[in-house]
Amino acid sequence: MFKRLADSSPSVGIVVDGKPLSARAGDTVAAALLAAGIGHCRTTPVTGAQRAPYCLMGVCFDCLVTIDGVGSRQGCLIPVREGMKVETQLGRREAGR
């Protein structure tokens, strides 16, 4: 779906749903997920419909993920960093998760 432009940015290692993933330094979490071919980052609480990053500028909230144990973070606004743990959100986020 997306093709990267030539860039010499260093890569950083992140973990997405327990699987290691290489991302480019400077990318947002949402951009890293899309570049890795991950098509959605959450499901809706009512119908379970898959949602993917849409606006990529913090307006729509479709890119919500859990980052390092903190839920409902907008992946389009958070830059990746080495060792970051990202989890997709399934349905309603439960307290303490």
PDB file of N, CA and C in Angstrom:
ATOM      1  N   MET A   1       0.822  -1.183   0.000  1.00  0.00           N
ATOM      2  CA  MET A   1       0.000   0.000   0.000  1.00  0.00           C
ATOM      3  C   MET A   1       0.872   1.254   0.000  1.00  0.00           C
ATOM      4  N   PHE A   2       1.900   1.277   0.839  1.00  0.00           N
ATOM      5  CA  PHE A   2       2.780   2.431   0.913  1.00  0.00           C
ATOM      6  C   PHE A   2       4.169   2.028   0.449  1.00  0.00           C
ATOM      7  N   LYS A   3       4.853   2.924  -0.221  1.00  0.00           N
ATOM      8  CA  LYS A   3       6.222   2.671  -0.650  1.00  0.00           C
ATOM      9  C   LYS A   3       7.095   3.778  -0.082  1.00  0.00           C
ATOM     10  N   ARG A   4       8.156   3.381   0.579  1.00  0.00           N
ATOM     11  CA  ARG A   4       9.049   4.352   1.192  1.00  0.00           C
ATOM     12  C   ARG A   4       9.924   5.032   0.161  1.00  0.00           C
ATOM     13  N   LEU A   5      10.213   6.291   0.388  1.00  0.00           N
ATOM     14  CA  LEU A   5      11.186   7.015  -0.415  1.00  0.00           C
ATOM     15  C   LEU A   5      12.577   6.642   0.089  1.00  0.00           C
ATOM     16  N   ALA A   6      13.573   6.806  -0.752  1.00  0.00           N
ATOM     17  CA  ALA A   6      14.939   6.518  -0.338  1.00  0.00           C
ATOM     18  C   ALA A   6      15.305   7.425   0.835  1.00  0.00           C
ATOM     19  N   ASP A   7      15.871   6.827   1.868  1.00  0.00           N
ATOM     20  CA  ASP A   7      16.209   7.575   3.067  1.00  0.00           C
ATOM     21  C   ASP A   7      17.293   6.809   3.809  1.00  0.00           C
ATOM     22  N   SER A   8      18.203   7.523   4.400  1.00  0.00           N
ATOM     23  CA  SER A   8      19.285   6.862   5.123  1.00  0.00           C
ATOM     24  C   SER A   8      19.098   6.946   6.635  1.00  0.00           C
ATOM     25  N   SER A   9      17.866   7.155   7.083  1.00  0.00           N
ATOM     26  CA  SER A   9      17.597   7.230   8.516  1.00  0.00           C
ATOM     27  C   SER A   9      17.936   5.898   9.180  1.00  0.00           C
ATOM     28  N   PRO A  10      18.503   5.950  10.377  1.00  0.00           N
ATOM     29  CA  PRO A  10      18.794   4.699  11.082  1.00  0.00           C
ATOM     30  C   PRO A  10      17.495   4.008  11.499  1.00  0.00           C
ATOM     31  N   SER A  11      17.569   2.719  11.729  1.00  0.00           N
ATOM     32  CA  SER A  11      16.378   1.991  12.161  1.00  0.00           C
ATOM     33  C   SER A  11      16.414   1.794  13.670  1.00  0.00           C
ATOM     34  N   VAL A  12      15.241   1.644  14.244  1.00  0.00           N
ATOM     35  CA  VAL A  12      15.094   1.356  15.670  1.00  0.00           C
ATOM     36  C   VAL A  12      14.227   0.118  15.803  1.00  0.00           C
ATOM     37  N   GLY A  13      14.451  -0.631  16.857  1.00  0.00           N
ATOM     38  CA  GLY A  13      13.670  -1.838  17.093  1.00  0.00           C
ATOM     39  C   GLY A  13      12.523  -1.563  18.045  1.00  0.00           C
ATOM     40  N   ILE A  14      11.320  -1.920  17.626  1.00  0.00           N
ATOM     41  CA  ILE A  14      10.146  -1.815  18.492  1.00  0.00           C
ATOM     42  C   ILE A  14       9.483  -3.188  18.528  1.00  0.00           C
ATOM     43  N   VAL A  15       8.559  -3.371  19.437  1.00  0.00           N
ATOM     44  CA  VAL A  15       7.816  -4.622  19.554  1.00  0.00           C
ATOM     45  C   VAL A  15       6.340  -4.300  19.379  1.00  0.00           C
ATOM     46  N   VAL A  16       5.699  -4.973  18.430  1.00  0.00           N
ATOM     47  CA  VAL A  16       4.276  -4.750  18.160  1.00  0.00           C
ATOM     48  C   VAL A  16       3.533  -6.057  18.398  1.00  0.00           C
ATOM     49  N   ASP A  17       2.643  -6.052  19.361  1.00  0.00           N
ATOM     50  CA  ASP A  17       1.878  -7.254  19.735  1.00  0.00           C
ATOM     51  C   ASP A  17       2.793  -8.451  19.956  1.00  0.00           C
ATOM     52  N   GLY A  18       3.914  -8.190  20.623  1.00  0.00           N
ATOM     53  CA  GLY A  18       4.843  -9.250  20.982  1.00  0.00           C
ATOM     54  C   GLY A  18       5.830  -9.656  19.903  1.00  0.00           C
ATOM     55  N   LYS A  19       5.739  -9.051  18.730  1.00  0.00           N
ATOM     56  CA  LYS A  19       6.635  -9.397  17.624  1.00  0.00           C
ATOM     57  C   LYS A  19       7.609  -8.250  17.354  1.00  0.00           C
ATOM     58  N   PRO A  20       8.895  -8.569  17.201  1.00  0.00           N
ATOM     59  CA  PRO A  20       9.867  -7.509  16.911  1.00  0.00           C
ATOM     60  C   PRO A  20       9.644  -6.906  15.526  1.00  0.00           C
ATOM     61  N   LEU A  21       9.871  -5.605  15.422  1.00  0.00           N
ATOM     62  CA  LEU A  21       9.658  -4.895  14.174  1.00  0.00           C
ATOM     63  C   LEU A  21      10.729  -3.821  14.053  1.00  0.00           C
ATOM     64  N   SER A  22      11.217  -3.612  12.860  1.00  0.00           N
ATOM     65  CA  SER A  22      12.186  -2.555  12.612  1.00  0.00           C
ATOM     66  C   SER A  22      11.450  -1.350  12.038  1.00  0.00           C
ATOM     67  N   ALA A  23      11.716  -0.187  12.605  1.00  0.00           N
ATOM     68  CA  ALA A  23      11.083   1.054  12.143  1.00  0.00           C
ATOM     69  C   ALA A  23      12.177   2.088  11.905  1.00  0.00           C
ATOM     70  N   ARG A  24      11.869   3.095  11.148  1.00  0.00           N
ATOM     71  CA  ARG A  24      12.829   4.171  10.903  1.00  0.00           C
ATOM     72  C   ARG A  24      12.774   5.201  12.018  1.00  0.00           C
ATOM     73  N   ALA A  25      13.927   5.622  12.449  1.00  0.00           N
ATOM     74  CA  ALA A  25      13.992   6.693  13.442  1.00  0.00           C
ATOM     75  C   ALA A  25      13.291   7.921  12.861  1.00  0.00           C
ATOM     76  N   GLY A  26      12.467   8.563  13.650  1.00  0.00           N
ATOM     77  CA  GLY A  26      11.727   9.735  13.193  1.00  0.00           C
ATOM     78  C   GLY A  26      10.312   9.427  12.745  1.00  0.00           C
ATOM     79  N   ASP A  27      10.013   8.150  12.467  1.00  0.00           N
ATOM     80  CA  ASP A  27       8.645   7.773  12.105  1.00  0.00           C
ATOM     81  C   ASP A  27       7.748   7.839  13.333  1.00  0.00           C
ATOM     82  N   THR A  28       6.472   8.060  13.098  1.00  0.00           N
ATOM     83  CA  THR A  28       5.504   7.913  14.182  1.00  0.00           C
ATOM     84  C   THR A  28       5.140   6.442  14.291  1.00  0.00           C
ATOM     85  N   VAL A  29       4.504   6.085  15.386  1.00  0.00           N
ATOM     86  CA  VAL A  29       4.061   4.698  15.567  1.00  0.00           C
ATOM     87  C   VAL A  29       3.108   4.306  14.440  1.00  0.00           C
ATOM     88  N   ALA A  30       2.169   5.168  14.103  1.00  0.00           N
ATOM     89  CA  ALA A  30       1.208   4.868  13.037  1.00  0.00           C
ATOM     90  C   ALA A  30       1.916   4.655  11.701  1.00  0.00           C
ATOM     91  N   ALA A  31       2.880   5.495  11.380  1.00  0.00           N
ATOM     92  CA  ALA A  31       3.621   5.353  10.120  1.00  0.00           C
ATOM     93  C   ALA A  31       4.409   4.053  10.109  1.00  0.00           C
ATOM     94  N   ALA A  32       5.000   3.689  11.242  1.00  0.00           N
ATOM     95  CA  ALA A  32       5.758   2.440  11.330  1.00  0.00           C
ATOM     96  C   ALA A  32       4.846   1.229  11.122  1.00  0.00           C
ATOM     97  N   LEU A  33       3.648   1.275  11.701  1.00  0.00           N
ATOM     98  CA  LEU A  33       2.700   0.164  11.516  1.00  0.00           C
ATOM     99  C   LEU A  33       2.284   0.043  10.053  1.00  0.00           C
ATOM    100  N   LEU A  34       1.956   1.157   9.432  1.00  0.00           N
ATOM    101  CA  LEU A  34       1.558   1.127   8.026  1.00  0.00           C
ATOM    102  C   LEU A  34       2.702   0.645   7.131  1.00  0.00           C
ATOM    103  N   ALA A  35       3.911   1.127   7.389  1.00  0.00           N
ATOM    104  CA  ALA A  35       5.063   0.733   6.578  1.00  0.00           C
ATOM    105  C   ALA A  35       5.364  -0.753   6.724  1.00  0.00           C
ATOM    106  N   ALA A  36       5.022  -1.327   7.880  1.00  0.00           N
ATOM    107  CA  ALA A  36       5.250  -2.754   8.121  1.00  0.00           C
ATOM    108  C   ALA A  36       4.113  -3.618   7.587  1.00  0.00           C
ATOM    109  N   GLY A  37       3.093  -2.989   6.991  1.00  0.00           N
ATOM    110  CA  GLY A  37       1.987  -3.751   6.426  1.00  0.00           C
ATOM    111  C   GLY A  37       0.912  -4.120   7.426  1.00  0.00           C
ATOM    112  N   ILE A  38       0.942  -3.513   8.602  1.00  0.00           N
ATOM    113  CA  ILE A  38      -0.092  -3.766   9.608  1.00  0.00           C
ATOM    114  C   ILE A  38      -1.272  -2.866   9.269  1.00  0.00           C
ATOM    115  N   GLY A  39      -2.374  -3.481   8.888  1.00  0.00           N
ATOM    116  CA  GLY A  39      -3.495  -2.754   8.314  1.00  0.00           C
ATOM    117  C   GLY A  39      -4.426  -2.064   9.281  1.00  0.00           C
ATOM    118  N   HIS A  40      -4.429  -2.463  10.554  1.00  0.00           N
ATOM    119  CA  HIS A  40      -5.286  -1.779  11.519  1.00  0.00           C
ATOM    120  C   HIS A  40      -4.585  -1.759  12.869  1.00  0.00           C
ATOM    121  N   CYS A  41      -4.984  -0.817  13.711  1.00  0.00           N
ATOM    122  CA  CYS A  41      -4.334  -0.706  15.016  1.00  0.00           C
ATOM    123  C   CYS A  41      -5.322  -0.813  16.173  1.00  0.00           C
ATOM    124  N   ARG A  42      -6.599  -0.867  15.871  1.00  0.00           N
ATOM    125  CA  ARG A  42      -7.587  -1.058  16.936  1.00  0.00           C
ATOM    126  C   ARG A  42      -8.882  -1.588  16.338  1.00  0.00           C
ATOM    127  N   THR A  43      -9.767  -2.054  17.220  1.00  0.00           N
ATOM    128  CA  THR A  43     -11.119  -2.417  16.816  1.00  0.00           C
ATOM    129  C   THR A  43     -12.090  -1.586  17.657  1.00  0.00           C
ATOM    130  N   THR A  44     -13.274  -1.361  17.115  1.00  0.00           N
ATOM    131  CA  THR A  44     -14.249  -0.541  17.824  1.00  0.00           C
ATOM    132  C   THR A  44     -14.904  -1.334  18.957  1.00  0.00           C
ATOM    133  N   PRO A  45     -15.318  -0.650  20.038  1.00  0.00           N
ATOM    134  CA  PRO A  45     -15.915  -1.341  21.179  1.00  0.00           C
ATOM    135  C   PRO A  45     -17.268  -1.975  20.882  1.00  0.00           C
ATOM    136  N   VAL A  46     -18.055  -1.388  19.997  1.00  0.00           N
ATOM    137  CA  VAL A  46     -19.424  -1.864  19.788  1.00  0.00           C
ATOM    138  C   VAL A  46     -19.482  -2.997  18.759  1.00  0.00           C
ATOM    139  N   THR A  47     -18.937  -2.770  17.565  1.00  0.00           N
ATOM    140  CA  THR A  47     -19.070  -3.772  16.497  1.00  0.00           C
ATOM    141  C   THR A  47     -17.811  -4.592  16.271  1.00  0.00           C
ATOM    142  N   GLY A  48     -16.696  -4.160  16.820  1.00  0.00           N
ATOM    143  CA  GLY A  48     -15.441  -4.871  16.582  1.00  0.00           C
ATOM    144  C   GLY A  48     -14.832  -4.570  15.224  1.00  0.00           C
ATOM    145  N   ALA A  49     -15.325  -3.532  14.546  1.00  0.00           N
ATOM    146  CA  ALA A  49     -14.797  -3.163  13.232  1.00  0.00           C
ATOM    147  C   ALA A  49     -13.347  -2.689  13.358  1.00  0.00           C
ATOM    148  N   GLN A  50     -12.537  -3.072  12.399  1.00  0.00           N
ATOM    149  CA  GLN A  50     -11.143  -2.667  12.396  1.00  0.00           C
ATOM    150  C   GLN A  50     -11.012  -1.206  11.992  1.00  0.00           C
ATOM    151  N   ARG A  51     -10.116  -0.502  12.684  1.00  0.00           N
ATOM    152  CA  ARG A  51      -9.850   0.901  12.381  1.00  0.00           C
ATOM    153  C   ARG A  51      -8.358   1.059  12.130  1.00  0.00           C
ATOM    154  N   ALA A  52      -8.027   1.895  11.172  1.00  0.00           N
ATOM    155  CA  ALA A  52      -6.631   2.140  10.803  1.00  0.00           C
ATOM    156  C   ALA A  52      -6.352   3.635  10.876  1.00  0.00           C
ATOM    157  N   PRO A  53      -5.073   4.014  10.923  1.00  0.00           N
ATOM    158  CA  PRO A  53      -4.756   5.440  10.900  1.00  0.00           C
ATOM    159  C   PRO A  53      -5.418   6.105   9.692  1.00  0.00           C
ATOM    160  N   TYR A  54      -6.013   7.258   9.927  1.00  0.00           N
ATOM    161  CA  TYR A  54      -6.752   7.927   8.864  1.00  0.00           C
ATOM    162  C   TYR A  54      -6.169   9.310   8.562  1.00  0.00           C
ATOM    163  N   CYS A  55      -6.223  10.204   9.516  1.00  0.00           N
ATOM    164  CA  CYS A  55      -5.804  11.585   9.230  1.00  0.00           C
ATOM    165  C   CYS A  55      -4.300  11.784   9.419  1.00  0.00           C
ATOM    166  N   LEU A  56      -3.686  10.991  10.294  1.00  0.00           N
ATOM    167  CA  LEU A  56      -2.254  11.067  10.606  1.00  0.00           C
ATOM    168  C   LEU A  56      -1.816  12.437  11.126  1.00  0.00           C
ATOM    169  N   MET A  57      -2.747  13.163  11.756  1.00  0.00           N
ATOM    170  CA  MET A  57      -2.372  14.450  12.351  1.00  0.00           C
ATOM    171  C   MET A  57      -3.090  14.713  13.671  1.00  0.00           C
ATOM    172  N   GLY A  58      -3.630  13.658  14.286  1.00  0.00           N
ATOM    173  CA  GLY A  58      -4.186  13.795  15.626  1.00  0.00           C
ATOM    174  C   GLY A  58      -5.612  14.267  15.739  1.00  0.00           C
ATOM    175  N   VAL A  59      -6.369  14.233  14.655  1.00  0.00           N
ATOM    176  CA  VAL A  59      -7.742  14.736  14.691  1.00  0.00           C
ATOM    177  C   VAL A  59      -8.766  13.612  14.882  1.00  0.00           C
ATOM    178  N   CYS A  60      -8.572  12.458  14.252  1.00  0.00           N
ATOM    179  CA  CYS A  60      -9.649  11.463  14.159  1.00  0.00           C
ATOM    180  C   CYS A  60      -9.651  10.373  15.234  1.00  0.00           C
ATOM    181  N   PHE A  61      -8.565  10.096  15.906  1.00  0.00           N
ATOM    182  CA  PHE A  61      -8.473   9.070  16.954  1.00  0.00           C
ATOM    183  C   PHE A  61      -8.640   7.639  16.441  1.00  0.00           C
ATOM    184  N   ASP A  62      -8.463   7.401  15.153  1.00  0.00           N
ATOM    185  CA  ASP A  62      -8.553   6.041  14.629  1.00  0.00           C
ATOM    186  C   ASP A  62      -7.253   5.255  14.817  1.00  0.00           C
ATOM    187  N   CYS A  63      -6.190   5.908  15.231  1.00  0.00           N
ATOM    188  CA  CYS A  63      -4.892   5.250  15.375  1.00  0.00           C
ATOM    189  C   CYS A  63      -4.560   4.930  16.829  1.00  0.00           C
ATOM    190  N   LEU A  64      -5.556   4.835  17.705  1.00  0.00           N
ATOM    191  CA  LEU A  64      -5.290   4.591  19.118  1.00  0.00           C
ATOM    192  C   LEU A  64      -4.631   3.238  19.337  1.00  0.00           C
ATOM    193  N   VAL A  65      -3.552   3.242  20.118  1.00  0.00           N
ATOM    194  CA  VAL A  65      -2.817   2.029  20.466  1.00  0.00           C
ATOM    195  C   VAL A  65      -2.387   2.137  21.925  1.00  0.00           C
ATOM    196  N   THR A  66      -1.942   1.021  22.474  1.00  0.00           N
ATOM    197  CA  THR A  66      -1.345   1.005  23.797  1.00  0.00           C
ATOM    198  C   THR A  66       0.160   1.054  23.617  1.00  0.00           C
ATOM    199  N   ILE A  67       0.822   2.026  24.241  1.00  0.00           N
ATOM    200  CA  ILE A  67       2.268   2.192  24.110  1.00  0.00           C
ATOM    201  C   ILE A  67       2.889   2.088  25.492  1.00  0.00           C
ATOM    202  N   ASP A  68       3.769   1.100  25.649  1.00  0.00           N
ATOM    203  CA  ASP A  68       4.452   0.875  26.930  1.00  0.00           C
ATOM    204  C   ASP A  68       3.466   0.822  28.094  1.00  0.00           C
ATOM    205  N   GLY A  69       2.331   0.144  27.879  1.00  0.00           N
ATOM    206  CA  GLY A  69       1.342  -0.065  28.922  1.00  0.00           C
ATOM    207  C   GLY A  69       0.336   1.055  29.108  1.00  0.00           C
ATOM    208  N   VAL A  70       0.483   2.158  28.393  1.00  0.00           N
ATOM    209  CA  VAL A  70      -0.458   3.277  28.503  1.00  0.00           C
ATOM    210  C   VAL A  70      -1.400   3.227  27.306  1.00  0.00           C
ATOM    211  N   GLY A  71      -2.683   3.024  27.567  1.00  0.00           N
ATOM    212  CA  GLY A  71      -3.654   2.842  26.500  1.00  0.00           C
ATOM    213  C   GLY A  71      -4.164   4.137  25.894  1.00  0.00           C
ATOM    214  N   SER A  72      -4.831   3.975  24.766  1.00  0.00           N
ATOM    215  CA  SER A  72      -5.490   5.065  24.041  1.00  0.00           C
ATOM    216  C   SER A  72      -4.537   6.203  23.689  1.00  0.00           C
ATOM    217  N   ARG A  73      -3.342   5.847  23.239  1.00  0.00           N
ATOM    218  CA  ARG A  73      -2.377   6.847  22.766  1.00  0.00           C
ATOM    219  C   ARG A  73      -2.556   6.999  21.263  1.00  0.00           C
ATOM    220  N   GLN A  74      -2.481   8.218  20.775  1.00  0.00           N
ATOM    221  CA  GLN A  74      -2.612   8.461  19.341  1.00  0.00           C
ATOM    222  C   GLN A  74      -1.279   8.135  18.665  1.00  0.00           C
ATOM    223  N   GLY A  75      -1.266   7.018  17.946  1.00  0.00           N
ATOM    224  CA  GLY A  75      -0.048   6.551  17.307  1.00  0.00           C
ATOM    225  C   GLY A  75       0.509   7.503  16.275  1.00  0.00           C
ATOM    226  N   CYS A  76      -0.321   8.361  15.724  1.00  0.00           N
ATOM    227  CA  CYS A  76       0.158   9.296  14.703  1.00  0.00           C
ATOM    228  C   CYS A  76       0.935  10.465  15.295  1.00  0.00           C
ATOM    229  N   LEU A  77       0.897  10.618  16.610  1.00  0.00           N
ATOM    230  CA  LEU A  77       1.578  11.741  17.252  1.00  0.00           C
ATOM    231  C   LEU A  77       2.815  11.319  18.049  1.00  0.00           C
ATOM    232  N   ILE A  78       3.025  10.024  18.212  1.00  0.00           N
ATOM    233  CA  ILE A  78       4.106   9.522  19.047  1.00  0.00           C
ATOM    234  C   ILE A  78       5.233   8.976  18.177  1.00  0.00           C
ATOM    235  N   PRO A  79       6.438   9.549  18.259  1.00  0.00           N
ATOM    236  CA  PRO A  79       7.561   9.009  17.482  1.00  0.00           C
ATOM    237  C   PRO A  79       8.056   7.693  18.081  1.00  0.00           C
ATOM    238  N   VAL A  80       8.497   6.784  17.222  1.00  0.00           N
ATOM    239  CA  VAL A  80       9.029   5.513  17.702  1.00  0.00           C
ATOM    240  C   VAL A  80      10.355   5.760  18.410  1.00  0.00           C
ATOM    241  N   ARG A  81      10.665   4.890  19.343  1.00  0.00           N
ATOM    242  CA  ARG A  81      11.969   4.911  19.999  1.00  0.00           C
ATOM    243  C   ARG A  81      12.382   3.475  20.289  1.00  0.00           C
ATOM    244  N   GLU A  82      13.655   3.278  20.417  1.00  0.00           N
ATOM    245  CA  GLU A  82      14.217   1.945  20.625  1.00  0.00           C
ATOM    246  C   GLU A  82      13.559   1.261  21.826  1.00  0.00           C
ATOM    247  N   GLY A  83      13.114   0.014  21.623  1.00  0.00           N
ATOM    248  CA  GLY A  83      12.545  -0.787  22.695  1.00  0.00           C
ATOM    249  C   GLY A  83      11.086  -0.531  23.008  1.00  0.00           C
ATOM    250  N   MET A  84      10.446   0.378  22.295  1.00  0.00           N
ATOM    251  CA  MET A  84       9.039   0.711  22.543  1.00  0.00           C
ATOM    252  C   MET A  84       8.170  -0.533  22.352  1.00  0.00           C
ATOM    253  N   LYS A  85       7.194  -0.711  23.251  1.00  0.00           N
ATOM    254  CA  LYS A  85       6.248  -1.820  23.143  1.00  0.00           C
ATOM    255  C   LYS A  85       4.880  -1.264  22.769  1.00  0.00           C
ATOM    256  N   VAL A  86       4.370  -1.713  21.624  1.00  0.00           N
ATOM    257  CA  VAL A  86       3.094  -1.232  21.096  1.00  0.00           C
ATOM    258  C   VAL A  86       2.124  -2.404  21.036  1.00  0.00           C
ATOM    259  N   GLU A  87       0.903  -2.180  21.480  1.00  0.00           N
ATOM    260  CA  GLU A  87      -0.146  -3.199  21.389  1.00  0.00           C
ATOM    261  C   GLU A  87      -1.359  -2.604  20.686  1.00  0.00           C
ATOM    262  N   THR A  88      -1.947  -3.394  19.786  1.00  0.00           N
ATOM    263  CA  THR A  88      -3.195  -2.955  19.185  1.00  0.00           C
ATOM    264  C   THR A  88      -4.281  -3.044  20.254  1.00  0.00           C
ATOM    265  N   GLN A  89      -5.277  -2.182  20.152  1.00  0.00           N
ATOM    266  CA  GLN A  89      -6.368  -2.171  21.117  1.00  0.00           C
ATOM    267  C   GLN A  89      -7.561  -2.906  20.526  1.00  0.00           C
ATOM    268  N   LEU A  90      -8.038  -3.887  21.262  1.00  0.00           N
ATOM    269  CA  LEU A  90      -9.188  -4.663  20.813  1.00  0.00           C
ATOM    270  C   LEU A  90     -10.405  -4.259  21.630  1.00  0.00           C
ATOM    271  N   GLY A  91     -11.358  -3.616  20.966  1.00  0.00           N
ATOM    272  CA  GLY A  91     -12.565  -3.169  21.656  1.00  0.00           C
ATOM    273  C   GLY A  91     -12.275  -2.078  22.664  1.00  0.00           C
ATOM    274  N   ARG A  92     -13.038  -2.063  23.723  1.00  0.00           N
ATOM    275  CA  ARG A  92     -12.883  -1.047  24.764  1.00  0.00           C
ATOM    276  C   ARG A  92     -11.628  -1.339  25.576  1.00  0.00           C
ATOM    277  N   ARG A  93     -10.876  -0.297  25.851  1.00  0.00           N
ATOM    278  CA  ARG A  93      -9.698  -0.446  26.679  1.00  0.00           C
ATOM    279  C   ARG A  93     -10.142  -0.597  28.129  1.00  0.00           C
ATOM    280  N   GLU A  94      -9.631  -1.625  28.801  1.00  0.00           N
ATOM    281  CA  GLU A  94     -10.011  -1.850  30.181  1.00  0.00           C
ATOM    282  C   GLU A  94      -9.109  -1.069  31.121  1.00  0.00           C
ATOM    283  N   ALA A  95      -9.667  -0.632  32.246  1.00  0.00           N
ATOM    284  CA  ALA A  95      -8.880   0.115  33.240  1.00  0.00           C
ATOM    285  C   ALA A  95      -7.714  -0.745  33.699  1.00  0.00           C
ATOM    286  N   GLY A  96      -6.562  -0.102  33.845  1.00  0.00           N
ATOM    287  CA  GLY A  96      -5.381  -0.809  34.297  1.00  0.00           C
ATOM    288  C   GLY A  96      -4.652  -1.543  33.194  1.00  0.00           C
ATOM    289  N   ARG A  97      -5.054  -1.333  31.959  1.00  0.00           N
ATOM    290  CA  ARG A  97      -4.402  -2.002  30.833  1.00  0.00           C
ATOM    291  C   ARG A  97      -4.020  -1.010  29.794  1.00  0.00           C
TER     292      ARG A  97
END
